């Protein structure tokens, strides 16, 4: 709509009731006899009112449009934030629903790991016990061999000591002479 038509329509809309009101006052006799001065006041009022309406329309419309855009963008941002918050809430509720299951799963895995660790420790202890038993057996066998050797050495010493004392008792000077003579005779008969 162009400016001229806008002004004319505003003047017509505001001015025509003023003309009728003035005429009505004149007929009733309520208007003073001042005449055209009263009419000019109303026309002046109409011009100022039209100017204010035109200025408001010219400047207010862009402001209202900008404000409407800002409000619309704020609404769309709020809707997207609300949708994101609802998504996060739904995700949190789903995780909360699965929490009991996850705790059960973690507990089962922990029990399984503990059982496996206990079995590993038992196997390691059994292996250590077997190693200690083998080492103890080897040490006992070595101690037994050493004891037998000592026993044999002691028995040999006792046997030698016993034989020596027996020989010393039985070997008189006369027996010695007989032995020597018998030995010498056996040597005379040998070819070497």
C-alpha atoms as a PDB file:
ATOM      1  CA  UNK A   1       0.000   0.000   0.000  1.00  0.00           C
ATOM      2  CA  UNK A   2       1.514   3.331  -0.959  1.00  0.00           C
ATOM      3  CA  UNK A   3       1.957   6.309   1.361  1.00  0.00           C
ATOM      4  CA  UNK A   4      -0.667   8.567  -0.258  1.00  0.00           C
ATOM      5  CA  UNK A   5      -3.452   6.033   0.028  1.00  0.00           C
ATOM      6  CA  UNK A   6      -2.438   5.276   3.568  1.00  0.00           C
ATOM      7  CA  UNK A   7      -2.576   8.945   4.607  1.00  0.00           C
ATOM      8  CA  UNK A   8      -5.870   9.527   2.813  1.00  0.00           C
ATOM      9  CA  UNK A   9      -7.509   6.498   4.401  1.00  0.00           C
ATOM     10  CA  UNK A  10      -6.245   7.520   7.838  1.00  0.00           C
ATOM     11  CA  UNK A  11      -7.504  11.081   7.358  1.00  0.00           C
ATOM     12  CA  UNK A  12     -10.873   9.822   6.190  1.00  0.00           C
ATOM     13  CA  UNK A  13     -11.215   7.361   9.053  1.00  0.00           C
ATOM     14  CA  UNK A  14     -10.212   9.912  11.709  1.00  0.00           C
ATOM     15  CA  UNK A  15     -11.557  13.069  10.101  1.00  0.00           C
ATOM     16  CA  UNK A  16     -15.082  12.029   9.130  1.00  0.00           C
ATOM     17  CA  UNK A  17     -16.211  11.276  12.700  1.00  0.00           C
ATOM     18  CA  UNK A  18     -14.827  14.643  13.747  1.00  0.00           C
ATOM     19  CA  UNK A  19     -16.896  16.469  11.121  1.00  0.00           C
ATOM     20  CA  UNK A  20     -20.036  14.620  12.212  1.00  0.00           C
ATOM     21  CA  UNK A  21     -19.357  15.296  15.887  1.00  0.00           C
ATOM     22  CA  UNK A  22     -18.855  18.999  15.226  1.00  0.00           C
ATOM     23  CA  UNK A  23     -22.046  19.181  13.173  1.00  0.00           C
ATOM     24  CA  UNK A  24     -23.951  17.373  15.895  1.00  0.00           C
ATOM     25  CA  UNK A  25     -22.772  19.833  18.524  1.00  0.00           C
ATOM     26  CA  UNK A  26     -23.765  22.771  16.332  1.00  0.00           C
ATOM     27  CA  UNK A  27     -27.282  21.438  15.758  1.00  0.00           C
ATOM     28  CA  UNK A  28     -27.932  20.766  19.371  1.00  0.00           C
ATOM     29  CA  UNK A  29     -26.674  24.105  20.276  1.00  0.00           C
ATOM     30  CA  UNK A  30     -24.099  22.703  22.609  1.00  0.00           C
ATOM     31  CA  UNK A  31     -21.305  24.289  20.625  1.00  0.00           C
ATOM     32  CA  UNK A  32     -20.399  27.847  21.342  1.00  0.00           C
ATOM     33  CA  UNK A  33     -20.756  30.535  18.776  1.00  0.00           C
ATOM     34  CA  UNK A  34     -17.078  30.528  18.095  1.00  0.00           C
ATOM     35  CA  UNK A  35     -17.690  28.874  14.754  1.00  0.00           C
ATOM     36  CA  UNK A  36     -14.838  27.668  12.605  1.00  0.00           C
ATOM     37  CA  UNK A  37     -12.182  27.841  15.400  1.00  0.00           C
ATOM     38  CA  UNK A  38     -13.565  24.737  17.023  1.00  0.00           C
ATOM     39  CA  UNK A  39     -13.451  22.898  13.714  1.00  0.00           C
ATOM     40  CA  UNK A  40      -9.801  23.795  13.197  1.00  0.00           C
ATOM     41  CA  UNK A  41      -8.904  22.413  16.634  1.00  0.00           C
ATOM     42  CA  UNK A  42     -10.466  19.098  15.671  1.00  0.00           C
ATOM     43  CA  UNK A  43      -8.755  19.090  12.286  1.00  0.00           C
ATOM     44  CA  UNK A  44      -5.444  19.906  13.957  1.00  0.00           C
ATOM     45  CA  UNK A  45      -6.054  17.029  16.397  1.00  0.00           C
ATOM     46  CA  UNK A  46      -6.822  14.717  13.482  1.00  0.00           C
ATOM     47  CA  UNK A  47      -3.604  15.700  11.675  1.00  0.00           C
ATOM     48  CA  UNK A  48      -1.492  15.085  14.792  1.00  0.00           C
ATOM     49  CA  UNK A  49      -3.273  11.777  15.444  1.00  0.00           C
ATOM     50  CA  UNK A  50      -2.743  10.718  11.816  1.00  0.00           C
ATOM     51  CA  UNK A  51       0.950  11.657  12.030  1.00  0.00           C
ATOM     52  CA  UNK A  52       1.330   9.642  15.240  1.00  0.00           C
ATOM     53  CA  UNK A  53      -0.480   6.654  13.742  1.00  0.00           C
ATOM     54  CA  UNK A  54       1.631   6.855  10.584  1.00  0.00           C
ATOM     55  CA  UNK A  55       4.913   7.135  12.580  1.00  0.00           C
ATOM     56  CA  UNK A  56       3.921   4.294  14.864  1.00  0.00           C
ATOM     57  CA  UNK A  57       2.925   2.134  11.931  1.00  0.00           C
ATOM     58  CA  UNK A  58       6.110   2.938  10.071  1.00  0.00           C
ATOM     59  CA  UNK A  59       8.477   2.275  13.005  1.00  0.00           C
ATOM     60  CA  UNK A  60       6.484  -0.174  15.091  1.00  0.00           C
ATOM     61  CA  UNK A  61       5.875  -2.735  12.347  1.00  0.00           C
ATOM     62  CA  UNK A  62       9.589  -3.563  11.840  1.00  0.00           C
ATOM     63  CA  UNK A  63      10.085  -3.618  15.612  1.00  0.00           C
ATOM     64  CA  UNK A  64       7.146  -5.999  16.041  1.00  0.00           C
ATOM     65  CA  UNK A  65       8.426  -8.176  13.190  1.00  0.00           C
ATOM     66  CA  UNK A  66      11.945  -8.293  14.720  1.00  0.00           C
ATOM     67  CA  UNK A  67      10.503  -8.999  18.133  1.00  0.00           C
ATOM     68  CA  UNK A  68       8.334 -11.761  16.641  1.00  0.00           C
ATOM     69  CA  UNK A  69      11.424 -13.260  14.971  1.00  0.00           C
ATOM     70  CA  UNK A  70      13.357 -13.135  18.271  1.00  0.00           C
ATOM     71  CA  UNK A  71      10.457 -14.732  20.111  1.00  0.00           C
ATOM     72  CA  UNK A  72      10.108 -17.383  17.382  1.00  0.00           C
ATOM     73  CA  UNK A  73      13.838 -18.160  17.484  1.00  0.00           C
ATOM     74  CA  UNK A  74      13.751 -18.328  21.295  1.00  0.00           C
ATOM     75  CA  UNK A  75      10.768 -20.694  21.086  1.00  0.00           C
ATOM     76  CA  UNK A  76      12.552 -22.933  18.562  1.00  0.00           C
ATOM     77  CA  UNK A  77      15.707 -22.953  20.738  1.00  0.00           C
ATOM     78  CA  UNK A  78      13.616 -23.797  23.780  1.00  0.00           C
ATOM     79  CA  UNK A  79      11.896 -26.617  21.878  1.00  0.00           C
ATOM     80  CA  UNK A  80      15.236 -28.055  20.741  1.00  0.00           C
ATOM     81  CA  UNK A  81      16.617 -27.738  24.292  1.00  0.00           C
ATOM     82  CA  UNK A  82      13.486 -29.432  25.618  1.00  0.00           C
ATOM     83  CA  UNK A  83      13.850 -32.239  23.059  1.00  0.00           C
ATOM     84  CA  UNK A  84      17.516 -32.693  24.010  1.00  0.00           C
ATOM     85  CA  UNK A  85      16.641 -32.707  27.710  1.00  0.00           C
ATOM     86  CA  UNK A  86      13.897 -35.282  27.094  1.00  0.00           C
ATOM     87  CA  UNK A  87      16.368 -37.422  25.129  1.00  0.00           C
ATOM     88  CA  UNK A  88      18.936 -37.220  27.944  1.00  0.00           C
ATOM     89  CA  UNK A  89      16.229 -38.027  30.500  1.00  0.00           C
ATOM     90  CA  UNK A  90      15.043 -41.016  28.471  1.00  0.00           C
ATOM     91  CA  UNK A  91      18.638 -42.240  28.107  1.00  0.00           C
ATOM     92  CA  UNK A  92      19.199 -41.847  31.856  1.00  0.00           C
ATOM     93  CA  UNK A  93      15.972 -43.721  32.615  1.00  0.00           C
ATOM     94  CA  UNK A  94      17.010 -46.546  30.284  1.00  0.00           C
ATOM     95  CA  UNK A  95      20.434 -46.755  31.937  1.00  0.00           C
ATOM     96  CA  UNK A  96      18.757 -46.738  35.347  1.00  0.00           C
ATOM     97  CA  UNK A  97      16.493 -49.597  34.242  1.00  0.00           C
ATOM     98  CA  UNK A  98      19.567 -51.548  33.075  1.00  0.00           C
ATOM     99  CA  UNK A  99      21.521 -50.735  36.249  1.00  0.00           C
ATOM    100  CA  UNK A 100      20.220 -53.746  38.178  1.00  0.00           C
ATOM    101  CA  UNK A 101      21.134 -56.029  35.281  1.00  0.00           C
ATOM    102  CA  UNK A 102      24.584 -54.455  34.964  1.00  0.00           C
ATOM    103  CA  UNK A 103      25.195 -54.839  38.705  1.00  0.00           C
ATOM    104  CA  UNK A 104      24.157 -58.508  38.493  1.00  0.00           C
ATOM    105  CA  UNK A 105      26.458 -59.025  35.484  1.00  0.00           C
ATOM    106  CA  UNK A 106      29.393 -57.309  37.195  1.00  0.00           C
ATOM    107  CA  UNK A 107      28.806 -59.335  40.371  1.00  0.00           C
ATOM    108  CA  UNK A 108      28.699 -62.593  38.365  1.00  0.00           C
ATOM    109  CA  UNK A 109      31.921 -61.680  36.543  1.00  0.00           C
ATOM    110  CA  UNK A 110      33.597 -60.795  39.855  1.00  0.00           C
ATOM    111  CA  UNK A 111      32.560 -64.134  41.380  1.00  0.00           C
ATOM    112  CA  UNK A 112      33.798 -65.963  38.284  1.00  0.00           C
ATOM    113  CA  UNK A 113      37.131 -64.096  38.418  1.00  0.00           C
ATOM    114  CA  UNK A 114      37.458 -64.807  42.156  1.00  0.00           C
ATOM    115  CA  UNK A 115      36.806 -68.527  41.586  1.00  0.00           C
ATOM    116  CA  UNK A 116      39.369 -68.615  38.776  1.00  0.00           C
ATOM    117  CA  UNK A 117      41.910 -66.806  40.967  1.00  0.00           C
ATOM    118  CA  UNK A 118      41.274 -69.217  43.856  1.00  0.00           C
ATOM    119  CA  UNK A 119      41.746 -72.183  41.509  1.00  0.00           C
ATOM    120  CA  UNK A 120      44.969 -70.678  40.174  1.00  0.00           C
ATOM    121  CA  UNK A 121      46.250 -70.158  43.733  1.00  0.00           C
ATOM    122  CA  UNK A 122      45.301 -73.763  44.650  1.00  0.00           C
ATOM    123  CA  UNK A 123      47.159 -75.096  41.592  1.00  0.00           C
ATOM    124  CA  UNK A 124      50.180 -72.952  42.417  1.00  0.00           C
ATOM    125  CA  UNK A 125      50.132 -74.145  46.055  1.00  0.00           C
ATOM    126  CA  UNK A 126      49.809 -77.777  44.925  1.00  0.00           C
ATOM    127  CA  UNK A 127      52.759 -77.304  42.573  1.00  0.00           C
ATOM    128  CA  UNK A 128      54.780 -75.721  45.378  1.00  0.00           C
ATOM    129  CA  UNK A 129      53.851 -78.595  47.722  1.00  0.00           C
ATOM    130  CA  UNK A 130      54.979 -81.137  45.116  1.00  0.00           C
ATOM    131  CA  UNK A 131      58.270 -79.275  44.636  1.00  0.00           C
ATOM    132  CA  UNK A 132      58.848 -79.159  48.403  1.00  0.00           C
ATOM    133  CA  UNK A 133      57.999 -82.875  48.693  1.00  0.00           C
ATOM    134  CA  UNK A 134      60.461 -83.753  45.908  1.00  0.00           C
ATOM    135  CA  UNK A 135      63.160 -81.581  47.498  1.00  0.00           C
ATOM    136  CA  UNK A 136      62.489 -83.115  50.935  1.00  0.00           C
ATOM    137  CA  UNK A 137      62.634 -86.643  49.501  1.00  0.00           C
ATOM    138  CA  UNK A 138      65.923 -85.875  47.741  1.00  0.00           C
ATOM    139  CA  UNK A 139      67.331 -84.387  50.951  1.00  0.00           C
ATOM    140  CA  UNK A 140      66.211 -87.397  52.966  1.00  0.00           C
ATOM    141  CA  UNK A 141      67.804 -89.769  50.445  1.00  0.00           C
ATOM    142  CA  UNK A 142      71.033 -87.783  50.563  1.00  0.00           C
ATOM    143  CA  UNK A 143      70.962 -87.829  54.387  1.00  0.00           C
ATOM    144  CA  UNK A 144      70.269 -91.575  54.327  1.00  0.00           C
ATOM    145  CA  UNK A 145      73.219 -92.188  51.952  1.00  0.00           C
ATOM    146  CA  UNK A 146      75.463 -90.063  54.149  1.00  0.00           C
ATOM    147  CA  UNK A 147      74.295 -91.934  57.256  1.00  0.00           C
ATOM    148  CA  UNK A 148      74.920 -95.327  55.593  1.00  0.00           C
ATOM    149  CA  UNK A 149      78.399 -94.247  54.552  1.00  0.00           C
ATOM    150  CA  UNK A 150      79.135 -93.092  58.078  1.00  0.00           C
ATOM    151  CA  UNK A 151      77.687 -96.335  59.416  1.00  0.00           C
ATOM    152  CA  UNK A 152      79.844 -98.398  57.021  1.00  0.00           C
ATOM    153  CA  UNK A 153      82.915 -96.376  57.942  1.00  0.00           C
ATOM    154  CA  UNK A 154      82.157 -96.834  61.627  1.00  0.00           C
ATOM    155  CA  UNK A 155      81.496-100.554  61.138  1.00  0.00           C
ATOM    156  CA  UNK A 156      84.755-100.923  59.179  1.00  0.00           C
ATOM    157  CA  UNK A 157      86.693 -99.063  61.877  1.00  0.00           C
ATOM    158  CA  UNK A 158      85.105-101.171  64.592  1.00  0.00           C
ATOM    159  CA  UNK A 159      85.819-104.313  62.600  1.00  0.00           C
ATOM    160  CA  UNK A 160      89.437-103.286  62.086  1.00  0.00           C
ATOM    161  CA  UNK A 161      89.788-102.301  65.734  1.00  0.00           C
ATOM    162  CA  UNK A 162      88.178-105.573  66.823  1.00  0.00           C
ATOM    163  CA  UNK A 163      90.369-107.601  64.461  1.00  0.00           C
ATOM    164  CA  UNK A 164      93.438-105.720  65.591  1.00  0.00           C
ATOM    165  CA  UNK A 165      92.749-106.404  69.219  1.00  0.00           C
ATOM    166  CA  UNK A 166      91.942-110.032  68.421  1.00  0.00           C
ATOM    167  CA  UNK A 167      95.110-110.410  66.395  1.00  0.00           C
ATOM    168  CA  UNK A 168      97.087-108.693  69.127  1.00  0.00           C
ATOM    169  CA  UNK A 169      95.710-111.189  71.682  1.00  0.00           C
ATOM    170  CA  UNK A 170      96.267-114.223  69.513  1.00  0.00           C
ATOM    171  CA  UNK A 171      99.561-113.238  67.948  1.00  0.00           C
ATOM    172  CA  UNK A 172     102.231-114.306  70.293  1.00  0.00           C
ATOM    173  CA  UNK A 173     105.937-114.203  69.421  1.00  0.00           C
ATOM    174  CA  UNK A 174     105.925-117.917  68.735  1.00  0.00           C
ATOM    175  CA  UNK A 175     102.917-117.573  66.359  1.00  0.00           C
ATOM    176  CA  UNK A 176     104.688-114.805  64.601  1.00  0.00           C
ATOM    177  CA  UNK A 177     107.730-116.912  63.990  1.00  0.00           C
ATOM    178  CA  UNK A 178     105.639-119.737  62.602  1.00  0.00           C
ATOM    179  CA  UNK A 179     103.866-117.387  60.236  1.00  0.00           C
ATOM    180  CA  UNK A 180     107.101-115.969  58.950  1.00  0.00           C
ATOM    181  CA  UNK A 181     108.612-119.385  58.403  1.00  0.00           C
ATOM    182  CA  UNK A 182     105.487-120.577  56.571  1.00  0.00           C
ATOM    183  CA  UNK A 183     105.564-117.508  54.379  1.00  0.00           C
ATOM    184  CA  UNK A 184     109.198-117.934  53.495  1.00  0.00           C
ATOM    185  CA  UNK A 185     108.612-121.579  52.572  1.00  0.00           C
ATOM    186  CA  UNK A 186     105.789-120.605  50.288  1.00  0.00           C
ATOM    187  CA  UNK A 187     108.081-118.170  48.567  1.00  0.00           C
ATOM    188  CA  UNK A 188     110.812-120.719  48.009  1.00  0.00           C
ATOM    189  CA  UNK A 189     108.509-122.976  46.107  1.00  0.00           C
ATOM    190  CA  UNK A 190     107.227-120.202  43.811  1.00  0.00           C
ATOM    191  CA  UNK A 191     108.953-119.618  40.460  1.00  0.00           C
ATOM    192  CA  UNK A 192     109.452-115.901  40.876  1.00  0.00           C
END
